[in-house]
Amino acid sequence: GNLGMGELLIICLIVLLLFGGKKIPELMRGLGKGV
């Protein structure tokens, strides 16, 4: 409820740093299959 664009940008950056650019599409693909 209280997240703004700055906070979302920081979260996305942290996720990118943790998983790397190549791993994120695989994670999203798996999430899509689950949904």
Full PDB file with SEQRES, HELIX, SHEET, SSBOND, CRYST1, ORIGX, SCALE, CONECT and MASTER records, all heavy atoms in Angstrom:
SEQRES   1 A   35  GLY ASN LEU GLY MET GLY GLU LEU LEU ILE ILE CYS LEU          
SEQRES   2 A   35  ILE VAL LEU LEU LEU PHE GLY GLY LYS LYS ILE PRO GLU          
SEQRES   3 A   35  LEU MET ARG GLY LEU GLY LYS GLY VAL                          
HELIX    1 AA1 MET A    5  PHE A   19  1                                  15    
HELIX    2 AA2 LYS A   23  GLY A   34  1                                  12    
CRYST1    1.000    1.000    1.000  90.00  90.00  90.00 P 1           1          
ORIGX1      1.000000  0.000000  0.000000        0.00000                         
ORIGX2      0.000000  1.000000  0.000000        0.00000                         
ORIGX3      0.000000  0.000000  1.000000        0.00000                         
SCALE1      1.000000  0.000000  0.000000        0.00000                         
SCALE2      0.000000  1.000000  0.000000        0.00000                         
SCALE3      0.000000  0.000000  1.000000        0.00000                         
ATOM      1  N   GLY A   1       0.765  -1.229   0.000  1.00  0.00           N  
ATOM      2  CA  GLY A   1       0.000   0.000   0.000  1.00  0.00           C  
ATOM      3  C   GLY A   1       0.800   1.286   0.000  1.00  0.00           C  
ATOM      4  O   GLY A   1       0.410   2.259  -0.620  1.00  0.00           O  
ATOM      5  N   ASN A   2       1.936   1.332   0.658  1.00  0.00           N  
ATOM      6  CA  ASN A   2       2.679   2.581   0.801  1.00  0.00           C  
ATOM      7  C   ASN A   2       3.953   2.643  -0.028  1.00  0.00           C  
ATOM      8  O   ASN A   2       4.807   3.475   0.218  1.00  0.00           O  
ATOM      9  CB  ASN A   2       3.041   2.802   2.277  1.00  0.00           C  
ATOM     10  CG  ASN A   2       1.811   2.994   3.123  1.00  0.00           C  
ATOM     11  OD1 ASN A   2       0.808   3.522   2.655  1.00  0.00           O  
ATOM     12  ND2 ASN A   2       1.870   2.552   4.359  1.00  0.00           N  
ATOM     13  N   LEU A   3       4.115   1.760  -1.007  1.00  0.00           N  
ATOM     14  CA  LEU A   3       5.324   1.772  -1.819  1.00  0.00           C  
ATOM     15  C   LEU A   3       5.182   2.747  -2.974  1.00  0.00           C  
ATOM     16  O   LEU A   3       4.185   2.753  -3.684  1.00  0.00           O  
ATOM     17  CB  LEU A   3       5.617   0.385  -2.387  1.00  0.00           C  
ATOM     18  CG  LEU A   3       6.082  -0.674  -1.403  1.00  0.00           C  
ATOM     19  CD1 LEU A   3       6.330  -1.982  -2.119  1.00  0.00           C  
ATOM     20  CD2 LEU A   3       7.324  -0.240  -0.672  1.00  0.00           C  
ATOM     21  N   GLY A   4       6.190   3.551  -3.164  1.00  0.00           N  
ATOM     22  CA  GLY A   4       6.219   4.478  -4.288  1.00  0.00           C  
ATOM     23  C   GLY A   4       7.155   3.966  -5.370  1.00  0.00           C  
ATOM     24  O   GLY A   4       7.706   2.859  -5.278  1.00  0.00           O  
ATOM     25  N   MET A   5       7.351   4.777  -6.398  1.00  0.00           N  
ATOM     26  CA  MET A   5       8.205   4.373  -7.511  1.00  0.00           C  
ATOM     27  C   MET A   5       9.656   4.201  -7.077  1.00  0.00           C  
ATOM     28  O   MET A   5      10.348   3.304  -7.555  1.00  0.00           O  
ATOM     29  CB  MET A   5       8.115   5.401  -8.649  1.00  0.00           C  
ATOM     30  CG  MET A   5       6.864   5.275  -9.468  1.00  0.00           C  
ATOM     31  SD  MET A   5       6.631   3.639 -10.167  1.00  0.00           S  
ATOM     32  CE  MET A   5       7.926   3.600 -11.374  1.00  0.00           C  
ATOM     33  N   GLY A   6      10.128   5.032  -6.170  1.00  0.00           N  
ATOM     34  CA  GLY A   6      11.508   4.909  -5.694  1.00  0.00           C  
ATOM     35  C   GLY A   6      11.757   3.584  -4.994  1.00  0.00           C  
ATOM     36  O   GLY A   6      12.765   2.912  -5.246  1.00  0.00           O  
ATOM     37  N   GLU A   7      10.841   3.203  -4.138  1.00  0.00           N  
ATOM     38  CA  GLU A   7      10.983   1.949  -3.417  1.00  0.00           C  
ATOM     39  C   GLU A   7      10.912   0.749  -4.366  1.00  0.00           C  
ATOM     40  O   GLU A   7      11.670  -0.213  -4.237  1.00  0.00           O  
ATOM     41  CB  GLU A   7       9.905   1.811  -2.335  1.00  0.00           C  
ATOM     42  CG  GLU A   7      10.087   2.749  -1.164  1.00  0.00           C  
ATOM     43  CD  GLU A   7       9.422   4.097  -1.371  1.00  0.00           C  
ATOM     44  OE1 GLU A   7       8.859   4.338  -2.454  1.00  0.00           O  
ATOM     45  OE2 GLU A   7       9.473   4.922  -0.445  1.00  0.00           O  
ATOM     46  N   LEU A   8       9.978   0.818  -5.332  1.00  0.00           N  
ATOM     47  CA  LEU A   8       9.865  -0.276  -6.300  1.00  0.00           C  
ATOM     48  C   LEU A   8      11.127  -0.392  -7.148  1.00  0.00           C  
ATOM     49  O   LEU A   8      11.573  -1.505  -7.463  1.00  0.00           O  
ATOM     50  CB  LEU A   8       8.646  -0.072  -7.196  1.00  0.00           C  
ATOM     51  CG  LEU A   8       7.289  -0.272  -6.519  1.00  0.00           C  
ATOM     52  CD1 LEU A   8       6.162   0.071  -7.480  1.00  0.00           C  
ATOM     53  CD2 LEU A   8       7.143  -1.691  -6.014  1.00  0.00           C  
ATOM     54  N   LEU A   9      11.712   0.719  -7.508  1.00  0.00           N  
ATOM     55  CA  LEU A   9      12.942   0.717  -8.289  1.00  0.00           C  
ATOM     56  C   LEU A   9      14.088   0.088  -7.493  1.00  0.00           C  
ATOM     57  O   LEU A   9      14.859  -0.717  -8.028  1.00  0.00           O  
ATOM     58  CB  LEU A   9      13.307   2.141  -8.708  1.00  0.00           C  
ATOM     59  CG  LEU A   9      14.497   2.298  -9.624  1.00  0.00           C  
ATOM     60  CD1 LEU A   9      14.244   1.595 -10.943  1.00  0.00           C  
ATOM     61  CD2 LEU A   9      14.776   3.761  -9.864  1.00  0.00           C  
ATOM     62  N   ILE A  10      14.184   0.408  -6.225  1.00  0.00           N  
ATOM     63  CA  ILE A  10      15.220  -0.174  -5.375  1.00  0.00           C  
ATOM     64  C   ILE A  10      15.016  -1.676  -5.230  1.00  0.00           C  
ATOM     65  O   ILE A  10      15.973  -2.457  -5.316  1.00  0.00           O  
ATOM     66  CB  ILE A  10      15.248   0.521  -3.994  1.00  0.00           C  
ATOM     67  CG1 ILE A  10      15.762   1.956  -4.158  1.00  0.00           C  
ATOM     68  CG2 ILE A  10      16.122  -0.253  -3.009  1.00  0.00           C  
ATOM     69  CD1 ILE A  10      15.655   2.795  -2.910  1.00  0.00           C  
ATOM     70  N   ILE A  11      13.786  -2.113  -5.048  1.00  0.00           N  
ATOM     71  CA  ILE A  11      13.494  -3.547  -4.926  1.00  0.00           C  
ATOM     72  C   ILE A  11      13.873  -4.274  -6.212  1.00  0.00           C  
ATOM     73  O   ILE A  11      14.489  -5.341  -6.184  1.00  0.00           O  
ATOM     74  CB  ILE A  11      12.016  -3.762  -4.569  1.00  0.00           C  
ATOM     75  CG1 ILE A  11      11.751  -3.283  -3.141  1.00  0.00           C  
ATOM     76  CG2 ILE A  11      11.625  -5.234  -4.724  1.00  0.00           C  
ATOM     77  CD1 ILE A  11      10.293  -3.228  -2.767  1.00  0.00           C  
ATOM     78  N   CYS A  12      13.521  -3.695  -7.368  1.00  0.00           N  
ATOM     79  CA  CYS A  12      13.869  -4.308  -8.655  1.00  0.00           C  
ATOM     80  C   CYS A  12      15.378  -4.396  -8.831  1.00  0.00           C  
ATOM     81  O   CYS A  12      15.895  -5.396  -9.335  1.00  0.00           O  
ATOM     82  CB  CYS A  12      13.239  -3.534  -9.802  1.00  0.00           C  
ATOM     83  SG  CYS A  12      11.459  -3.693  -9.894  1.00  0.00           S  
ATOM     84  N   LEU A  13      16.098  -3.372  -8.416  1.00  0.00           N  
ATOM     85  CA  LEU A  13      17.549  -3.371  -8.512  1.00  0.00           C  
ATOM     86  C   LEU A  13      18.157  -4.457  -7.630  1.00  0.00           C  
ATOM     87  O   LEU A  13      19.079  -5.170  -8.046  1.00  0.00           O  
ATOM     88  CB  LEU A  13      18.101  -1.996  -8.128  1.00  0.00           C  
ATOM     89  CG  LEU A  13      19.600  -1.812  -8.226  1.00  0.00           C  
ATOM     90  CD1 LEU A  13      20.054  -1.980  -9.667  1.00  0.00           C  
ATOM     91  CD2 LEU A  13      19.996  -0.463  -7.700  1.00  0.00           C  
ATOM     92  N   ILE A  14      17.643  -4.612  -6.432  1.00  0.00           N  
ATOM     93  CA  ILE A  14      18.144  -5.657  -5.523  1.00  0.00           C  
ATOM     94  C   ILE A  14      17.883  -7.042  -6.103  1.00  0.00           C  
ATOM     95  O   ILE A  14      18.757  -7.916  -6.076  1.00  0.00           O  
ATOM     96  CB  ILE A  14      17.521  -5.493  -4.122  1.00  0.00           C  
ATOM     97  CG1 ILE A  14      18.062  -4.230  -3.451  1.00  0.00           C  
ATOM     98  CG2 ILE A  14      17.794  -6.718  -3.259  1.00  0.00           C  
ATOM     99  CD1 ILE A  14      17.367  -3.862  -2.165  1.00  0.00           C  
ATOM    100  N   VAL A  15      16.692  -7.257  -6.652  1.00  0.00           N  
ATOM    101  CA  VAL A  15      16.374  -8.548  -7.263  1.00  0.00           C  
ATOM    102  C   VAL A  15      17.308  -8.817  -8.438  1.00  0.00           C  
ATOM    103  O   VAL A  15      17.808  -9.929  -8.607  1.00  0.00           O  
ATOM    104  CB  VAL A  15      14.894  -8.591  -7.711  1.00  0.00           C  
ATOM    105  CG1 VAL A  15      14.611  -9.787  -8.592  1.00  0.00           C  
ATOM    106  CG2 VAL A  15      13.979  -8.600  -6.498  1.00  0.00           C  
ATOM    107  N   LEU A  16      17.567  -7.796  -9.235  1.00  0.00           N  
ATOM    108  CA  LEU A  16      18.480  -7.945 -10.372  1.00  0.00           C  
ATOM    109  C   LEU A  16      19.883  -8.305  -9.902  1.00  0.00           C  
ATOM    110  O   LEU A  16      20.542  -9.172 -10.487  1.00  0.00           O  
ATOM    111  CB  LEU A  16      18.506  -6.653 -11.189  1.00  0.00           C  
ATOM    112  CG  LEU A  16      19.371  -6.657 -12.437  1.00  0.00           C  
ATOM    113  CD1 LEU A  16      18.858  -7.688 -13.430  1.00  0.00           C  
ATOM    114  CD2 LEU A  16      19.379  -5.277 -13.070  1.00  0.00           C  
ATOM    115  N   LEU A  17      20.336  -7.680  -8.842  1.00  0.00           N  
ATOM    116  CA  LEU A  17      21.670  -7.978  -8.316  1.00  0.00           C  
ATOM    117  C   LEU A  17      21.747  -9.381  -7.716  1.00  0.00           C  
ATOM    118  O   LEU A  17      22.757 -10.070  -7.851  1.00  0.00           O  
ATOM    119  CB  LEU A  17      22.083  -6.941  -7.274  1.00  0.00           C  
ATOM    120  CG  LEU A  17      22.388  -5.542  -7.806  1.00  0.00           C  
ATOM    121  CD1 LEU A  17      22.615  -4.585  -6.646  1.00  0.00           C  
ATOM    122  CD2 LEU A  17      23.577  -5.570  -8.740  1.00  0.00           C  
ATOM    123  N   LEU A  18      20.684  -9.812  -7.039  1.00  0.00           N  
ATOM    124  CA  LEU A  18      20.694 -11.125  -6.401  1.00  0.00           C  
ATOM    125  C   LEU A  18      20.629 -12.263  -7.412  1.00  0.00           C  
ATOM    126  O   LEU A  18      21.331 -13.266  -7.278  1.00  0.00           O  
ATOM    127  CB  LEU A  18      19.531 -11.247  -5.415  1.00  0.00           C  
ATOM    128  CG  LEU A  18      19.646 -10.448  -4.124  1.00  0.00           C  
ATOM    129  CD1 LEU A  18      18.375 -10.594  -3.300  1.00  0.00           C  
ATOM    130  CD2 LEU A  18      20.841 -10.919  -3.322  1.00  0.00           C  
ATOM    131  N   PHE A  19      19.746 -12.145  -8.406  1.00  0.00           N  
ATOM    132  CA  PHE A  19      19.511 -13.262  -9.316  1.00  0.00           C  
ATOM    133  C   PHE A  19      20.237 -13.130 -10.642  1.00  0.00           C  
ATOM    134  O   PHE A  19      20.419 -14.106 -11.348  1.00  0.00           O  
ATOM    135  CB  PHE A  19      18.009 -13.418  -9.569  1.00  0.00           C  
ATOM    136  CG  PHE A  19      17.249 -13.833  -8.343  1.00  0.00           C  
ATOM    137  CD1 PHE A  19      16.423 -12.938  -7.700  1.00  0.00           C  
ATOM    138  CD2 PHE A  19      17.378 -15.105  -7.834  1.00  0.00           C  
ATOM    139  CE1 PHE A  19      15.720 -13.311  -6.571  1.00  0.00           C  
ATOM    140  CE2 PHE A  19      16.692 -15.497  -6.706  1.00  0.00           C  
ATOM    141  CZ  PHE A  19      15.859 -14.586  -6.070  1.00  0.00           C  
ATOM    142  N   GLY A  20      20.639 -11.952 -11.019  1.00  0.00           N  
ATOM    143  CA  GLY A  20      21.308 -11.764 -12.298  1.00  0.00           C  
ATOM    144  C   GLY A  20      20.315 -11.639 -13.437  1.00  0.00           C  
ATOM    145  O   GLY A  20      19.172 -12.085 -13.351  1.00  0.00           O  
ATOM    146  N   GLY A  21      20.748 -11.029 -14.510  1.00  0.00           N  
ATOM    147  CA  GLY A  21      19.876 -10.764 -15.647  1.00  0.00           C  
ATOM    148  C   GLY A  21      19.405 -12.014 -16.371  1.00  0.00           C  
ATOM    149  O   GLY A  21      18.332 -12.038 -16.959  1.00  0.00           O  
ATOM    150  N   LYS A  22      20.197 -13.078 -16.347  1.00  0.00           N  
ATOM    151  CA  LYS A  22      19.826 -14.290 -17.064  1.00  0.00           C  
ATOM    152  C   LYS A  22      18.833 -15.148 -16.286  1.00  0.00           C  
ATOM    153  O   LYS A  22      18.076 -15.911 -16.875  1.00  0.00           O  
ATOM    154  CB  LYS A  22      21.068 -15.112 -17.387  1.00  0.00           C  
ATOM    155  CG  LYS A  22      21.982 -14.422 -18.374  1.00  0.00           C  
ATOM    156  CD  LYS A  22      23.167 -15.282 -18.721  1.00  0.00           C  
ATOM    157  CE  LYS A  22      24.053 -14.552 -19.715  1.00  0.00           C  
ATOM    158  NZ  LYS A  22      25.202 -15.360 -20.106  1.00  0.00           N  
ATOM    159  N   LYS A  23      18.834 -15.043 -14.998  1.00  0.00           N  
ATOM    160  CA  LYS A  23      17.974 -15.895 -14.171  1.00  0.00           C  
ATOM    161  C   LYS A  23      16.552 -15.347 -14.042  1.00  0.00           C  
ATOM    162  O   LYS A  23      15.603 -16.111 -13.866  1.00  0.00           O  
ATOM    163  CB  LYS A  23      18.607 -16.031 -12.781  1.00  0.00           C  
ATOM    164  CG  LYS A  23      18.013 -17.079 -11.930  1.00  0.00           C  
ATOM    165  CD  LYS A  23      18.349 -18.449 -12.444  1.00  0.00           C  
ATOM    166  CE  LYS A  23      17.881 -19.505 -11.479  1.00  0.00           C  
ATOM    167  NZ  LYS A  23      18.060 -20.840 -11.985  1.00  0.00           N  
ATOM    168  N   ILE A  24      16.369 -14.037 -14.153  1.00  0.00           N  
ATOM    169  CA  ILE A  24      15.052 -13.420 -13.957  1.00  0.00           C  
ATOM    170  C   ILE A  24      14.026 -13.906 -14.978  1.00  0.00           C  
ATOM    171  O   ILE A  24      12.908 -14.243 -14.589  1.00  0.00           O  
ATOM    172  CB  ILE A  24      15.172 -11.885 -13.933  1.00  0.00           C  
ATOM    173  CG1 ILE A  24      15.903 -11.476 -12.660  1.00  0.00           C  
ATOM    174  CG2 ILE A  24      13.802 -11.226 -13.985  1.00  0.00           C  
ATOM    175  CD1 ILE A  24      16.205 -10.011 -12.561  1.00  0.00           C  
ATOM    176  N   PRO A  25      14.343 -13.993 -16.291  1.00  0.00           N  
ATOM    177  CA  PRO A  25      13.334 -14.521 -17.221  1.00  0.00           C  
ATOM    178  C   PRO A  25      12.899 -15.954 -16.895  1.00  0.00           C  
ATOM    179  O   PRO A  25      11.731 -16.305 -17.055  1.00  0.00           O  
ATOM    180  CB  PRO A  25      14.035 -14.464 -18.583  1.00  0.00           C  
ATOM    181  CG  PRO A  25      15.044 -13.394 -18.439  1.00  0.00           C  
ATOM    182  CD  PRO A  25      15.496 -13.473 -17.014  1.00  0.00           C  
ATOM    183  N   GLU A  26      13.843 -16.768 -16.419  1.00  0.00           N  
ATOM    184  CA  GLU A  26      13.494 -18.131 -16.022  1.00  0.00           C  
ATOM    185  C   GLU A  26      12.533 -18.120 -14.831  1.00  0.00           C  
ATOM    186  O   GLU A  26      11.580 -18.901 -14.785  1.00  0.00           O  
ATOM    187  CB  GLU A  26      14.745 -18.915 -15.662  1.00  0.00           C  
ATOM    188  CG  GLU A  26      15.681 -19.162 -16.823  1.00  0.00           C  
ATOM    189  CD  GLU A  26      16.968 -19.827 -16.384  1.00  0.00           C  
ATOM    190  OE1 GLU A  26      16.998 -20.438 -15.300  1.00  0.00           O  
ATOM    191  OE2 GLU A  26      17.950 -19.734 -17.137  1.00  0.00           O  
ATOM    192  N   LEU A  27      12.776 -17.240 -13.875  1.00  0.00           N  
ATOM    193  CA  LEU A  27      11.895 -17.133 -12.713  1.00  0.00           C  
ATOM    194  C   LEU A  27      10.492 -16.685 -13.129  1.00  0.00           C  
ATOM    195  O   LEU A  27       9.492 -17.227 -12.666  1.00  0.00           O  
ATOM    196  CB  LEU A  27      12.468 -16.152 -11.693  1.00  0.00           C  
ATOM    197  CG  LEU A  27      13.752 -16.565 -10.990  1.00  0.00           C  
ATOM    198  CD1 LEU A  27      14.313 -15.401 -10.189  1.00  0.00           C  
ATOM    199  CD2 LEU A  27      13.499 -17.746 -10.097  1.00  0.00           C  
ATOM    200  N   MET A  28      10.422 -15.704 -14.022  1.00  0.00           N  
ATOM    201  CA  MET A  28       9.120 -15.204 -14.475  1.00  0.00           C  
ATOM    202  C   MET A  28       8.376 -16.256 -15.294  1.00  0.00           C  
ATOM    203  O   MET A  28       7.162 -16.382 -15.206  1.00  0.00           O  
ATOM    204  CB  MET A  28       9.295 -13.927 -15.298  1.00  0.00           C  
ATOM    205  CG  MET A  28       9.819 -12.747 -14.496  1.00  0.00           C  
ATOM    206  SD  MET A  28       8.696 -12.288 -13.175  1.00  0.00           S  
ATOM    207  CE  MET A  28       9.654 -12.712 -11.743  1.00  0.00           C  
ATOM    208  N   ARG A  29       9.110 -17.016 -16.092  1.00  0.00           N  
ATOM    209  CA  ARG A  29       8.495 -18.084 -16.881  1.00  0.00           C  
ATOM    210  C   ARG A  29       7.895 -19.141 -15.955  1.00  0.00           C  
ATOM    211  O   ARG A  29       6.775 -19.614 -16.153  1.00  0.00           O  
ATOM    212  CB  ARG A  29       9.543 -18.710 -17.801  1.00  0.00           C  
ATOM    213  CG  ARG A  29       8.972 -19.567 -18.890  1.00  0.00           C  
ATOM    214  CD  ARG A  29      10.057 -20.017 -19.879  1.00  0.00           C  
ATOM    215  NE  ARG A  29      10.749 -18.874 -20.479  1.00  0.00           N  
ATOM    216  CZ  ARG A  29      12.056 -18.635 -20.358  1.00  0.00           C  
ATOM    217  NH1 ARG A  29      12.814 -19.455 -19.659  1.00  0.00           N  
ATOM    218  NH2 ARG A  29      12.602 -17.586 -20.934  1.00  0.00           N  
ATOM    219  N   GLY A  30       8.628 -19.522 -14.919  1.00  0.00           N  
ATOM    220  CA  GLY A  30       8.118 -20.486 -13.946  1.00  0.00           C  
ATOM    221  C   GLY A  30       6.902 -19.951 -13.207  1.00  0.00           C  
ATOM    222  O   GLY A  30       5.948 -20.690 -12.961  1.00  0.00           O  
ATOM    223  N   LEU A  31       6.927 -18.675 -12.870  1.00  0.00           N  
ATOM    224  CA  LEU A  31       5.791 -18.055 -12.203  1.00  0.00           C  
ATOM    225  C   LEU A  31       4.567 -18.065 -13.116  1.00  0.00           C  
ATOM    226  O   LEU A  31       3.457 -18.370 -12.682  1.00  0.00           O  
ATOM    227  CB  LEU A  31       6.138 -16.627 -11.792  1.00  0.00           C  
ATOM    228  CG  LEU A  31       5.070 -15.846 -11.047  1.00  0.00           C  
ATOM    229  CD1 LEU A  31       4.785 -16.499  -9.707  1.00  0.00           C  
ATOM    230  CD2 LEU A  31       5.507 -14.416 -10.863  1.00  0.00           C  
ATOM    231  N   GLY A  32       4.773 -17.759 -14.394  1.00  0.00           N  
ATOM    232  CA  GLY A  32       3.674 -17.772 -15.360  1.00  0.00           C  
ATOM    233  C   GLY A  32       3.076 -19.159 -15.519  1.00  0.00           C  
ATOM    234  O   GLY A  32       1.857 -19.319 -15.598  1.00  0.00           O  
ATOM    235  N   LYS A  33       3.928 -20.187 -15.550  1.00  0.00           N  
ATOM    236  CA  LYS A  33       3.429 -21.561 -15.656  1.00  0.00           C  
ATOM    237  C   LYS A  33       2.617 -21.937 -14.419  1.00  0.00           C  
ATOM    238  O   LYS A  33       1.597 -22.609 -14.518  1.00  0.00           O  
ATOM    239  CB  LYS A  33       4.586 -22.538 -15.836  1.00  0.00           C  
ATOM    240  CG  LYS A  33       5.195 -22.491 -17.210  1.00  0.00           C  
ATOM    241  CD  LYS A  33       6.334 -23.480 -17.334  1.00  0.00           C  
ATOM    242  CE  LYS A  33       6.982 -23.410 -18.701  1.00  0.00           C  
ATOM    243  NZ  LYS A  33       8.096 -24.363 -18.821  1.00  0.00           N  
ATOM    244  N   GLY A  34       3.062 -21.501 -13.264  1.00  0.00           N  
ATOM    245  CA  GLY A  34       2.327 -21.790 -12.032  1.00  0.00           C  
ATOM    246  C   GLY A  34       0.963 -21.123 -12.009  1.00  0.00           C  
ATOM    247  O   GLY A  34      -0.027 -21.731 -11.619  1.00  0.00           O  
ATOM    248  N   VAL A  35       0.899 -19.868 -12.445  1.00  0.00           N  
ATOM    249  CA  VAL A  35      -0.375 -19.149 -12.491  1.00  0.00           C  
ATOM    250  C   VAL A  35      -1.309 -19.809 -13.497  1.00  0.00           C  
ATOM    251  O   VAL A  35      -2.501 -19.978 -13.242  1.00  0.00           O  
ATOM    252  CB  VAL A  35      -0.145 -17.658 -12.837  1.00  0.00           C  
ATOM    253  CG1 VAL A  35      -1.449 -16.962 -13.144  1.00  0.00           C  
ATOM    254  CG2 VAL A  35       0.569 -16.965 -11.698  1.00  0.00           C  
TER     255      VAL A  35                                                      
MASTER        0    0    0    2    0    0    0    6  254    1    0    3          
END                                                                             
